[in-house]
Amino acid sequence: MRSVGRVEDPLALVPGGGSEAAVDVVGGVQADAGMGSVLPGSASRQAAEPGVSLPSAERFTSWRHRRKVPECSGDGKTVCFGSVGRCPRCLRTRACLSAAPHITSKPMDHAFPGSLAVGNLILRSRADRWGRKGSWLAVLFHHLTDGRRWRSDDPFIAGLGVDMPADHFVDRVDSLARRYDIVALDDVLTDRPLHHRRRRLLLCFDDAYATVAKLAAPVLAERGLPWCFFLNPGLVGNKVLGLDNLVTYVANTAGLTPLARTAKVPVESPGSLLRGHLAGMTPAQRRSFGHRLATEANVDPTALAAHASLYLEPSDVRAMADLGVEIGNHTAEHVSCRMLDEENAEEQVVRSAAEIGALTGRPVRCFAYPYGSFLDATPLVTTHLRSSGHECAFVVQGRRNDDETDPFRLHRISLSGADDASNAVELTVLPRLRALRARLSPSNHL
């Protein structure tokens, strides 16, 4: 059976879009030389590491491919999905991403008629730079890809909606630095006065991906920009595989059937399972689900974690702390906080902060709720946050913050636009619309 492996040119699989070369491999997708990650298709790695259960070529059928719509022509008009939720051609030319920004792997809600024109008007008028006194924004990133060691088609990541090409991240950071005051956590917590009136913006990363240290930290250090990193200490060291990445890996290598069988509910995508069915589980129930899913899919999560090396090592965390990065708490294992009881809150909030403090040598002052829902900001969790020295906590509700925002329900915006105009709408127009919608229908926007 001939299958297409990983290629250096992302346009190689698009007709007329680059090299036509393909790689013949046994078992599906070939691992890059020196990557060290366990991916389907590496026959030599599979033979050398019998403890790692990898799927055959026949099983490597992506759940995303079943949802394809007509492929993009690169003309900026056709909506498309590529192998990782993006059209490789559009990713290179940025043609249709700007015209139809909802085609990215994490759907955005600003694809309203005229949104691109509105974004360009905002940029020309510089309206996004100014805000009322005391207001500020926080933006969120997770994982970067470079097309070499860290690839967007990695089955542990592809389709999860957390990745961004490193060159796009550089563009976003430079654009934001031109238009906003990039500030540290202290600047927004104390409302420290600045030299000019530009709106303040806080840069954040979540989770425990190694690319935060390898790709993002050097970019931000070179520019002298402060930022926050919300860490899951239970994933540091690559001894366990996070449930999000396990679910995504199984979906990408074995399809959705093992997920549906394990959950005993219909599953449309890994994201729908993680934010739906699994959100109502306690940490113990999530661990049990992970064990049952691994058995159903015939994979060894511990071996996969060790070989994929997705996450940071302890030395990476200490190095970032020594550079002045504000490292906060994101629960020990990236769990939904709405199901935490007293014992679980102690483990996932209090002890998690202590573990982070041991890694960094500094106190932990800030927290971010995994999955970013208001439903997770329960009174029990807030009580444990306050008692353990946390000064603030963040959700991801796509709004701005001001003097009236609850410090334990601060907002962040997940940037997924591929151009400045799209991000101008996301940072300027939509926060106001969402705040208005919340005021008109508070029961739906707790």
Protein backbone atom coordinates (compact mmCIF):
# COMPACT_ATOMS: atom_id res chain seq x y z
CA MET A 1 0.00 0.00 0.00
CA ARG A 2 1.41 3.39 -0.99
CA SER A 3 0.77 6.18 1.48
CA VAL A 4 1.93 9.74 1.61
CA GLY A 5 4.41 10.58 4.35
CA ARG A 6 5.51 13.85 5.82
CA VAL A 7 7.09 16.26 3.40
CA GLU A 8 8.95 19.50 3.99
CA ASP A 9 6.85 21.55 1.54
CA PRO A 10 3.33 22.05 2.94
CA LEU A 11 2.05 22.60 -0.60
CA ALA A 12 3.38 19.32 -1.90
CA LEU A 13 0.02 17.58 -1.60
CA VAL A 14 -1.95 20.40 -3.26
CA PRO A 15 -2.29 20.11 -7.05
CA GLY A 16 -0.10 22.75 -8.62
CA GLY A 17 1.01 23.95 -5.19
CA GLY A 18 4.65 22.96 -4.91
CA SER A 19 6.72 19.81 -5.14
CA GLU A 20 4.89 16.71 -6.32
CA ALA A 21 7.28 14.39 -4.50
CA ALA A 22 5.76 11.83 -2.15
CA VAL A 23 7.37 9.53 0.35
CA ASP A 24 6.70 5.80 0.34
CA VAL A 25 6.58 4.46 3.87
CA VAL A 26 5.27 1.38 5.56
CA GLY A 27 2.47 2.23 7.95
CA GLY A 28 1.33 5.70 7.02
CA VAL A 29 3.09 8.86 8.19
CA GLN A 30 6.83 8.73 8.52
CA ALA A 31 8.53 10.33 11.49
CA ASP A 32 11.01 13.12 10.81
CA ALA A 33 14.62 12.30 11.35
CA GLY A 34 15.63 13.31 14.83
CA MET A 35 12.11 14.20 15.91
CA GLY A 36 11.96 11.67 18.68
CA SER A 37 8.16 11.61 18.57
CA VAL A 38 6.16 8.45 18.15
CA LEU A 39 4.14 8.76 14.97
CA PRO A 40 2.35 6.30 12.76
CA GLY A 41 4.51 4.94 10.00
CA SER A 42 7.95 4.61 11.52
CA ALA A 43 8.58 0.93 10.92
CA SER A 44 12.06 1.02 12.41
CA ARG A 45 10.86 2.80 15.55
CA GLN A 46 7.95 0.41 15.90
CA ALA A 47 10.27 -2.56 15.64
CA ALA A 48 12.77 -1.06 18.06
CA GLU A 49 10.13 -0.05 20.59
CA PRO A 50 7.64 -2.92 20.88
CA GLY A 51 5.98 -1.29 23.88
CA VAL A 52 4.58 1.48 21.72
CA SER A 53 1.38 0.46 19.99
CA LEU A 54 1.06 2.21 16.65
CA PRO A 55 -1.70 1.88 14.05
CA SER A 56 -1.28 0.34 10.64
CA ALA A 57 -1.59 2.34 7.43
CA GLU A 58 -5.15 1.09 6.93
CA ARG A 59 -6.18 2.57 10.30
CA PHE A 60 -4.61 5.98 9.71
CA THR A 61 -7.82 7.60 8.50
CA SER A 62 -8.32 11.09 9.85
CA TRP A 63 -11.73 12.02 11.26
CA ARG A 64 -11.18 15.45 9.72
CA HIS A 65 -11.04 14.08 6.17
CA ARG A 66 -14.63 12.89 6.41
CA ARG A 67 -15.77 16.48 6.87
CA LYS A 68 -14.01 17.93 3.83
CA VAL A 69 -15.65 20.53 1.66
CA PRO A 70 -14.37 21.56 -1.77
CA GLU A 71 -10.67 22.37 -1.71
CA CYS A 72 -9.57 25.97 -1.97
CA SER A 73 -8.45 27.31 -5.32
CA GLY A 74 -6.33 29.97 -3.65
CA ASP A 75 -8.52 32.73 -5.05
CA GLY A 76 -9.70 33.96 -1.67
CA LYS A 77 -13.30 32.88 -2.30
CA THR A 78 -13.54 29.15 -1.70
CA VAL A 79 -13.92 27.93 1.86
CA CYS A 80 -11.72 24.93 2.45
CA PHE A 81 -10.41 22.42 4.93
CA GLY A 82 -6.99 20.87 4.59
CA SER A 83 -5.48 17.92 6.39
CA VAL A 84 -5.27 19.77 9.70
CA GLY A 85 -8.29 22.02 9.35
CA ARG A 86 -6.49 24.51 7.12
CA CYS A 87 -5.88 24.63 3.39
CA PRO A 88 -2.11 24.33 2.84
CA ARG A 89 -2.33 26.72 -0.08
CA CYS A 90 -4.21 29.34 1.92
CA LEU A 91 -1.82 28.91 4.80
CA ARG A 92 1.00 29.85 2.46
CA THR A 93 -0.71 32.66 0.53
CA ARG A 94 -3.13 33.75 3.29
CA ALA A 95 -5.63 34.30 0.50
CA CYS A 96 -8.85 32.75 1.68
CA LEU A 97 -8.07 32.87 5.39
CA SER A 98 -8.62 36.63 5.33
CA ALA A 99 -11.81 36.33 3.29
CA ALA A 100 -13.22 33.43 5.31
CA PRO A 101 -11.48 33.33 8.69
CA HIS A 102 -13.81 30.61 9.99
CA ILE A 103 -11.86 27.95 8.08
CA THR A 104 -9.07 27.75 10.64
CA SER A 105 -8.84 24.70 12.89
CA LYS A 106 -10.48 26.64 15.72
CA PRO A 107 -13.63 28.22 14.24
CA MET A 108 -13.95 31.94 14.89
CA ASP A 109 -17.21 33.80 15.24
CA HIS A 110 -16.24 37.02 13.43
CA ALA A 111 -16.99 35.85 9.88
CA PHE A 112 -19.89 38.27 9.58
CA PRO A 113 -20.52 40.18 6.35
CA GLY A 114 -18.11 43.06 6.03
CA SER A 115 -15.86 41.95 8.90
CA LEU A 116 -12.71 42.25 6.80
CA ALA A 117 -13.64 45.79 5.73
CA VAL A 118 -14.36 46.70 9.35
CA GLY A 119 -11.01 45.30 10.41
CA ASN A 120 -9.16 47.31 7.77
CA LEU A 121 -11.01 50.47 8.81
CA ILE A 122 -9.99 49.87 12.42
CA LEU A 123 -6.36 49.49 11.37
CA ARG A 124 -6.36 52.65 9.26
CA SER A 125 -8.05 54.73 11.95
CA ARG A 126 -5.91 53.22 14.71
CA ALA A 127 -9.12 52.82 16.71
CA ASP A 128 -7.89 49.55 18.21
CA ARG A 129 -5.08 51.34 20.04
CA TRP A 130 -7.25 53.34 22.36
CA GLY A 131 -9.58 52.28 25.11
CA ARG A 132 -11.25 53.82 28.10
CA LYS A 133 -9.08 54.39 31.11
CA GLY A 134 -8.42 51.21 33.05
CA SER A 135 -9.41 48.79 30.25
CA TRP A 136 -7.01 46.14 29.02
CA LEU A 137 -6.91 42.97 26.95
CA ALA A 138 -5.29 39.57 27.36
CA VAL A 139 -4.58 37.26 24.42
CA LEU A 140 -3.94 33.54 24.53
CA PHE A 141 -1.70 31.09 22.66
CA HIS A 142 -0.89 27.44 23.32
CA HIS A 143 1.45 25.61 20.95
CA LEU A 144 3.62 26.62 17.99
CA THR A 145 4.73 24.62 14.97
CA ASP A 146 7.81 25.08 12.79
CA GLY A 147 7.29 22.49 10.04
CA ARG A 148 10.32 20.51 11.20
CA ARG A 149 10.52 19.19 14.76
CA TRP A 150 7.08 20.51 15.66
CA ARG A 151 4.59 19.88 12.88
CA SER A 152 0.95 20.82 12.45
CA ASP A 153 0.10 17.31 11.24
CA ASP A 154 1.37 15.67 14.42
CA PRO A 155 -1.48 13.29 15.39
CA PHE A 156 -1.21 14.38 19.03
CA ILE A 157 -2.04 17.96 18.02
CA ALA A 158 -3.73 18.08 14.60
CA GLY A 159 -7.35 19.19 14.85
CA LEU A 160 -7.16 20.09 18.54
CA GLY A 161 -7.21 23.78 17.64
CA VAL A 162 -4.26 24.87 19.80
CA ASP A 163 -1.46 25.24 17.26
CA MET A 164 -0.15 28.24 15.33
CA PRO A 165 2.76 28.37 12.86
CA ALA A 166 5.78 30.01 14.50
CA ASP A 167 6.16 32.55 11.70
CA HIS A 168 2.52 33.58 12.15
CA PHE A 169 3.17 33.98 15.88
CA VAL A 170 6.10 36.30 15.16
CA ASP A 171 3.87 38.37 12.87
CA ARG A 172 1.13 38.52 15.51
CA VAL A 173 3.51 39.56 18.28
CA ASP A 174 5.14 42.27 16.18
CA SER A 175 1.75 43.59 15.10
CA LEU A 176 0.44 43.64 18.66
CA ALA A 177 3.59 45.36 19.94
CA ARG A 178 3.11 48.13 17.38
CA ARG A 179 -0.48 48.76 18.38
CA TYR A 180 -0.62 48.05 22.12
CA ASP A 181 1.44 48.39 25.26
CA ILE A 182 2.56 44.84 26.05
CA VAL A 183 2.53 44.77 29.83
CA ALA A 184 3.37 42.45 32.70
CA LEU A 185 0.84 40.98 35.12
CA ASP A 186 1.73 43.56 37.78
CA ASP A 187 0.82 46.37 35.39
CA VAL A 188 -2.78 45.19 35.04
CA LEU A 189 -3.28 44.06 38.62
CA THR A 190 -2.11 47.37 40.06
CA ASP A 191 -3.32 49.58 37.18
CA ARG A 192 0.19 51.01 37.02
CA PRO A 193 0.26 54.28 35.00
CA LEU A 194 1.99 54.12 31.62
CA HIS A 195 3.83 56.74 29.57
CA HIS A 196 1.08 57.03 26.93
CA ARG A 197 -2.57 56.18 26.43
CA ARG A 198 -2.37 53.09 24.27
CA ARG A 199 -4.44 50.17 25.48
CA ARG A 200 -2.60 47.61 27.57
CA LEU A 201 -2.33 44.01 26.45
CA LEU A 202 -1.16 40.91 28.31
CA LEU A 203 0.37 37.98 26.38
CA CYS A 204 -0.43 34.50 27.73
CA PHE A 205 0.40 30.88 26.97
CA ASP A 206 -1.42 27.87 28.44
CA ASP A 207 -0.68 24.17 29.00
CA ALA A 208 2.78 22.58 29.08
CA TYR A 209 3.90 22.29 25.46
CA ALA A 210 7.66 22.31 24.92
CA THR A 211 7.33 24.77 22.05
CA VAL A 212 6.56 27.51 24.58
CA ALA A 213 10.21 27.30 25.71
CA LYS A 214 11.77 26.26 22.40
CA LEU A 215 9.95 28.58 19.96
CA ALA A 216 7.94 31.26 21.78
CA ALA A 217 10.28 32.25 24.64
CA PRO A 218 13.23 33.21 22.38
CA VAL A 219 10.95 35.42 20.22
CA LEU A 220 9.54 37.25 23.24
CA ALA A 221 12.93 37.54 24.99
CA GLU A 222 14.52 39.01 21.88
CA ARG A 223 11.86 41.73 21.85
CA GLY A 224 12.00 42.31 25.59
CA LEU A 225 8.28 41.61 26.01
CA PRO A 226 6.76 40.41 29.31
CA TRP A 227 4.30 37.51 29.28
CA CYS A 228 2.54 34.90 31.41
CA PHE A 229 2.61 31.13 31.13
CA PHE A 230 -0.07 29.00 32.81
CA LEU A 231 1.39 25.55 33.44
CA ASN A 232 0.09 22.03 34.10
CA PRO A 233 2.87 20.64 36.35
CA GLY A 234 1.53 17.09 36.08
CA LEU A 235 2.55 17.00 32.42
CA VAL A 236 6.07 18.35 32.92
CA GLY A 237 8.69 15.68 32.29
CA ASN A 238 6.71 13.70 29.69
CA LYS A 239 5.89 10.87 32.08
CA VAL A 240 2.17 10.94 31.24
CA LEU A 241 0.19 11.86 28.15
CA GLY A 242 -2.47 14.52 28.69
CA LEU A 243 -6.03 13.39 28.04
CA ASP A 244 -6.53 16.07 25.37
CA ASN A 245 -3.57 14.75 23.40
CA LEU A 246 -4.54 11.11 23.92
CA VAL A 247 -8.06 11.76 22.63
CA THR A 248 -6.67 13.66 19.63
CA TYR A 249 -4.10 10.96 18.89
CA VAL A 250 -6.72 8.21 18.90
CA ALA A 251 -9.06 10.26 16.69
CA ASN A 252 -6.28 10.90 14.18
CA THR A 253 -4.93 7.37 14.07
CA ALA A 254 -7.95 5.15 14.71
CA GLY A 255 -10.94 7.38 13.99
CA LEU A 256 -13.81 8.39 16.23
CA THR A 257 -15.17 4.89 16.85
CA PRO A 258 -12.89 4.12 19.86
CA LEU A 259 -13.87 7.46 21.38
CA ALA A 260 -17.58 6.78 20.95
CA ARG A 261 -17.28 3.24 22.30
CA THR A 262 -15.40 4.42 25.38
CA ALA A 263 -17.66 7.40 26.04
CA LYS A 264 -20.84 5.49 25.11
CA VAL A 265 -22.13 8.66 23.42
CA PRO A 266 -21.91 9.89 19.80
CA VAL A 267 -18.69 11.82 19.15
CA GLU A 268 -18.42 14.40 16.38
CA SER A 269 -14.84 15.51 17.06
CA PRO A 270 -12.21 15.39 19.82
CA GLY A 271 -13.10 18.96 20.82
CA SER A 272 -16.79 18.16 21.24
CA LEU A 273 -15.89 15.24 23.49
CA LEU A 274 -13.41 17.22 25.60
CA ARG A 275 -15.68 20.21 26.10
CA GLY A 276 -18.89 18.22 26.36
CA HIS A 277 -18.96 14.72 27.80
CA LEU A 278 -15.60 14.89 29.58
CA ALA A 279 -16.29 18.32 31.09
CA GLY A 280 -18.77 16.68 33.45
CA MET A 281 -16.22 14.21 34.84
CA THR A 282 -14.17 14.40 38.03
CA PRO A 283 -10.38 14.01 37.75
CA ALA A 284 -10.67 10.36 38.79
CA GLN A 285 -13.33 9.71 36.15
CA ARG A 286 -11.16 11.40 33.51
CA ARG A 287 -8.22 9.16 34.40
CA SER A 288 -10.48 6.12 34.20
CA PHE A 289 -11.72 7.26 30.79
CA GLY A 290 -8.14 7.63 29.60
CA HIS A 291 -7.24 4.11 30.73
CA ARG A 292 -10.32 2.63 29.03
CA LEU A 293 -9.67 4.60 25.84
CA ALA A 294 -6.07 3.39 25.72
CA THR A 295 -7.26 -0.18 26.07
CA GLU A 296 -9.94 0.28 23.40
CA ALA A 297 -7.43 1.83 20.96
CA ASN A 298 -4.61 -0.56 21.94
CA VAL A 299 -2.10 2.19 22.76
CA ASP A 300 0.31 2.75 25.65
CA PRO A 301 -0.03 6.41 26.75
CA THR A 302 3.10 6.30 28.93
CA ALA A 303 5.27 5.07 26.06
CA LEU A 304 3.68 7.55 23.67
CA ALA A 305 4.34 10.44 26.06
CA ALA A 306 7.99 9.49 26.48
CA HIS A 307 8.64 9.25 22.75
CA ALA A 308 6.52 12.19 21.62
CA SER A 309 8.18 14.57 24.12
CA LEU A 310 5.38 17.08 23.65
CA TYR A 311 5.86 18.73 27.00
CA LEU A 312 8.41 20.77 28.90
CA GLU A 313 11.15 19.41 31.10
CA PRO A 314 11.70 20.82 34.60
CA SER A 315 14.83 22.65 33.43
CA ASP A 316 12.78 24.47 30.78
CA VAL A 317 10.36 25.76 33.41
CA ARG A 318 13.14 27.03 35.68
CA ALA A 319 14.92 28.69 32.73
CA MET A 320 11.78 30.63 31.78
CA ALA A 321 11.20 31.68 35.39
CA ASP A 322 14.80 32.92 35.57
CA LEU A 323 14.09 35.06 32.49
CA GLY A 324 11.29 36.78 34.39
CA VAL A 325 8.31 34.95 32.88
CA GLU A 326 5.28 35.00 35.18
CA ILE A 327 4.41 31.30 35.54
CA GLY A 328 0.92 30.60 36.79
CA ASN A 329 -1.29 27.64 37.63
CA HIS A 330 -3.45 25.74 35.11
CA THR A 331 -4.40 22.79 37.36
CA ALA A 332 -2.15 19.77 37.72
CA GLU A 333 -3.67 17.72 34.88
CA HIS A 334 -5.71 20.16 32.77
CA VAL A 335 -9.08 19.22 34.23
CA SER A 336 -12.50 20.89 34.16
CA CYS A 337 -12.80 22.73 37.47
CA ARG A 338 -16.61 22.64 37.67
CA MET A 339 -16.50 19.06 38.99
CA LEU A 340 -13.89 19.62 41.71
CA ASP A 341 -14.83 18.84 45.30
CA GLU A 342 -12.78 19.78 48.36
CA GLU A 343 -10.26 16.96 47.93
CA ASN A 344 -9.87 17.46 44.19
CA ALA A 345 -9.57 21.24 44.54
CA GLU A 346 -6.78 20.75 47.03
CA GLU A 347 -4.97 18.50 44.54
CA GLN A 348 -5.61 20.41 41.32
CA VAL A 349 -5.32 23.96 42.67
CA VAL A 350 -3.35 24.10 45.93
CA ARG A 351 -0.86 21.28 45.43
CA SER A 352 -0.50 22.18 41.76
CA ALA A 353 0.60 25.68 42.77
CA ALA A 354 3.07 24.21 45.24
CA GLU A 355 4.57 22.00 42.53
CA ILE A 356 4.94 24.97 40.19
CA GLY A 357 6.57 26.98 42.97
CA ALA A 358 9.04 24.15 43.52
CA LEU A 359 9.90 24.17 39.80
CA THR A 360 10.31 27.94 39.53
CA GLY A 361 11.51 28.92 42.99
CA ARG A 362 8.86 31.65 43.02
CA PRO A 363 5.33 32.01 44.43
CA VAL A 364 2.40 31.38 42.10
CA ARG A 365 0.05 34.36 41.86
CA CYS A 366 -2.24 33.68 38.91
CA PHE A 367 -4.48 30.89 37.64
CA ALA A 368 -6.19 30.04 34.34
CA TYR A 369 -9.20 27.74 34.11
CA PRO A 370 -8.65 24.91 31.59
CA TYR A 371 -11.12 25.25 28.68
CA GLY A 372 -11.85 28.81 29.84
CA SER A 373 -15.51 28.52 30.84
CA PHE A 374 -17.28 30.61 33.47
CA LEU A 375 -18.89 27.36 34.62
CA ASP A 376 -15.53 26.29 36.04
CA ALA A 377 -15.14 29.44 38.17
CA THR A 378 -17.11 27.94 41.07
CA PRO A 379 -17.16 29.45 44.58
CA LEU A 380 -15.28 26.39 45.87
CA VAL A 381 -12.44 26.83 43.38
CA THR A 382 -12.29 30.59 44.00
CA THR A 383 -12.03 29.97 47.75
CA HIS A 384 -9.10 27.60 47.26
CA LEU A 385 -7.43 30.05 44.89
CA ARG A 386 -7.63 32.89 47.39
CA SER A 387 -6.47 30.75 50.33
CA SER A 388 -3.44 29.48 48.40
CA GLY A 389 -2.12 32.92 47.48
CA HIS A 390 -3.52 33.36 43.97
CA GLU A 391 -4.34 36.99 43.19
CA CYS A 392 -6.33 36.50 39.98
CA ALA A 393 -7.78 33.89 37.62
CA PHE A 394 -8.56 33.93 33.90
CA VAL A 395 -11.31 32.51 31.73
CA VAL A 396 -11.46 32.65 27.91
CA GLN A 397 -14.61 34.58 27.07
CA GLY A 398 -13.26 36.92 24.41
CA ARG A 399 -13.94 40.20 26.21
CA ARG A 400 -11.89 43.11 27.51
CA ASN A 401 -11.18 43.77 31.19
CA ASP A 402 -11.67 46.93 33.20
CA ASP A 403 -11.79 48.15 36.80
CA GLU A 404 -15.15 46.42 37.34
CA THR A 405 -14.06 42.96 36.16
CA ASP A 406 -13.93 40.30 38.88
CA PRO A 407 -10.19 39.54 39.39
CA PHE A 408 -11.04 35.84 39.55
CA ARG A 409 -12.97 35.99 36.26
CA LEU A 410 -10.63 37.99 34.07
CA HIS A 411 -11.12 37.59 30.34
CA ARG A 412 -8.75 36.46 27.62
CA ILE A 413 -9.09 36.29 23.84
CA SER A 414 -7.79 33.33 21.85
CA LEU A 415 -6.29 34.79 18.68
CA SER A 416 -6.77 32.60 15.62
CA GLY A 417 -6.95 35.16 12.80
CA ALA A 418 -4.39 34.94 10.02
CA ASP A 419 -4.11 38.67 9.34
CA ASP A 420 -4.15 42.01 11.15
CA ALA A 421 -7.66 42.94 9.98
CA SER A 422 -9.20 39.75 11.39
CA ASN A 423 -7.41 40.20 14.69
CA ALA A 424 -8.43 43.87 14.86
CA VAL A 425 -12.06 42.76 14.73
CA GLU A 426 -11.40 40.07 17.32
CA LEU A 427 -9.73 42.52 19.70
CA THR A 428 -11.84 45.63 19.13
CA VAL A 429 -15.36 44.87 17.88
CA LEU A 430 -16.22 41.44 19.21
CA PRO A 431 -15.33 42.10 22.89
CA ARG A 432 -17.88 44.91 22.91
CA LEU A 433 -20.52 42.77 21.20
CA ARG A 434 -19.96 39.90 23.62
CA ALA A 435 -20.17 42.22 26.61
CA LEU A 436 -23.43 43.64 25.27
CA ARG A 437 -24.82 40.17 24.68
CA ALA A 438 -23.87 39.18 28.25
CA ARG A 439 -25.69 42.21 29.67
CA LEU A 440 -28.80 41.49 27.62
CA SER A 441 -28.80 37.78 28.49
CA PRO A 442 -26.85 37.33 31.73
CA SER A 443 -28.20 33.83 32.41
CA ASN A 444 -26.44 32.55 29.29
CA HIS A 445 -23.14 34.27 30.06
CA LEU A 446 -22.36 33.64 33.68
